[in-house]
Amino acid sequence: MTDEGRGVYRKAIGPHLRAAQKWFAAALTPAQLEGLAEGLQALQAHIDTVSTTTQKERS
């Protein structure tokens, strides 16, 4: 990453994280956030499995 790119990233990350907190995380209870995390982990595991299977089929 270039120095310019790093600067742009640093300027953007704070507002981005504050917006995510305001519009999404603040609406959920800790239990709901935990459930969301579990669901996203399951989706990632599925995507990884499908991706690996697809790559093996192409070989």
C-alpha atoms as a PDB file:
ATOM      1  CA  MET A   1       0.000   0.000   0.000  1.00  0.00           C
ATOM      2  CA  THR A   2       1.318   3.417  -0.869  1.00  0.00           C
ATOM      3  CA  ASP A   3       1.706   6.186   1.694  1.00  0.00           C
ATOM      4  CA  GLU A   4      -1.141   8.025  -0.021  1.00  0.00           C
ATOM      5  CA  GLY A   5      -3.350   4.943   0.119  1.00  0.00           C
ATOM      6  CA  ARG A   6      -2.532   4.438   3.780  1.00  0.00           C
ATOM      7  CA  GLY A   7      -3.550   8.044   4.492  1.00  0.00           C
ATOM      8  CA  VAL A   8      -6.849   7.637   2.651  1.00  0.00           C
ATOM      9  CA  TYR A   9      -7.524   4.419   4.549  1.00  0.00           C
ATOM     10  CA  ARG A  10      -6.797   6.028   7.913  1.00  0.00           C
ATOM     11  CA  LYS A  11      -9.119   8.939   7.133  1.00  0.00           C
ATOM     12  CA  ALA A  12     -11.936   6.614   6.089  1.00  0.00           C
ATOM     13  CA  ILE A  13     -11.784   3.923   8.764  1.00  0.00           C
ATOM     14  CA  GLY A  14     -12.938   6.050  11.708  1.00  0.00           C
ATOM     15  CA  PRO A  15     -16.122   7.368  10.071  1.00  0.00           C
ATOM     16  CA  HIS A  16     -16.822   3.928   8.620  1.00  0.00           C
ATOM     17  CA  LEU A  17     -16.590   2.197  12.004  1.00  0.00           C
ATOM     18  CA  ARG A  18     -18.700   4.887  13.687  1.00  0.00           C
ATOM     19  CA  ALA A  19     -21.392   4.484  11.021  1.00  0.00           C
ATOM     20  CA  ALA A  20     -21.375   0.697  11.403  1.00  0.00           C
ATOM     21  CA  GLN A  21     -21.807   1.101  15.155  1.00  0.00           C
ATOM     22  CA  LYS A  22     -24.612   3.659  14.762  1.00  0.00           C
ATOM     23  CA  TRP A  23     -26.629   1.900  12.067  1.00  0.00           C
ATOM     24  CA  PHE A  24     -26.054  -1.772  12.868  1.00  0.00           C
ATOM     25  CA  ALA A  25     -24.324  -2.746  16.100  1.00  0.00           C
ATOM     26  CA  ALA A  26     -26.249  -0.312  18.307  1.00  0.00           C
ATOM     27  CA  ALA A  27     -29.514  -1.915  17.196  1.00  0.00           C
ATOM     28  CA  LEU A  28     -28.525  -5.372  18.446  1.00  0.00           C
ATOM     29  CA  THR A  29     -28.179  -6.807  21.929  1.00  0.00           C
ATOM     30  CA  PRO A  30     -24.983  -8.624  22.873  1.00  0.00           C
ATOM     31  CA  ALA A  31     -26.812 -11.936  22.420  1.00  0.00           C
ATOM     32  CA  GLN A  32     -27.994 -10.905  18.961  1.00  0.00           C
ATOM     33  CA  LEU A  33     -24.469  -9.835  17.998  1.00  0.00           C
ATOM     34  CA  GLU A  34     -23.191 -13.215  19.160  1.00  0.00           C
ATOM     35  CA  GLY A  35     -25.855 -14.981  17.088  1.00  0.00           C
ATOM     36  CA  LEU A  36     -24.973 -12.853  14.078  1.00  0.00           C
ATOM     37  CA  ALA A  37     -21.294 -13.714  14.511  1.00  0.00           C
ATOM     38  CA  GLU A  38     -22.123 -17.424  14.688  1.00  0.00           C
ATOM     39  CA  GLY A  39     -24.264 -17.193  11.576  1.00  0.00           C
ATOM     40  CA  LEU A  40     -21.563 -15.329   9.653  1.00  0.00           C
ATOM     41  CA  GLN A  41     -18.963 -17.903  10.721  1.00  0.00           C
ATOM     42  CA  ALA A  42     -21.216 -20.688   9.429  1.00  0.00           C
ATOM     43  CA  LEU A  43     -21.638 -18.876   6.121  1.00  0.00           C
ATOM     44  CA  GLN A  44     -17.876 -18.379   5.821  1.00  0.00           C
ATOM     45  CA  ALA A  45     -17.246 -22.058   6.509  1.00  0.00           C
ATOM     46  CA  HIS A  46     -19.791 -22.996   3.845  1.00  0.00           C
ATOM     47  CA  ILE A  47     -18.264 -20.593   1.318  1.00  0.00           C
ATOM     48  CA  ASP A  48     -14.804 -22.002   2.044  1.00  0.00           C
ATOM     49  CA  THR A  49     -16.075 -25.562   1.532  1.00  0.00           C
ATOM     50  CA  VAL A  50     -17.887 -24.743  -1.709  1.00  0.00           C
ATOM     51  CA  SER A  51     -14.918 -22.759  -2.989  1.00  0.00           C
ATOM     52  CA  THR A  52     -12.490 -25.591  -2.234  1.00  0.00           C
ATOM     53  CA  THR A  53     -14.802 -28.157  -3.830  1.00  0.00           C
ATOM     54  CA  THR A  54     -15.226 -25.983  -6.927  1.00  0.00           C
ATOM     55  CA  GLN A  55     -11.469 -25.520  -7.260  1.00  0.00           C
ATOM     56  CA  LYS A  56     -10.892 -29.272  -7.005  1.00  0.00           C
ATOM     57  CA  GLU A  57     -13.545 -29.912  -9.669  1.00  0.00           C
ATOM     58  CA  ARG A  58     -11.774 -27.527 -12.044  1.00  0.00           C
ATOM     59  CA  SER A  59      -8.412 -29.288 -11.613  1.00  0.00           C
END
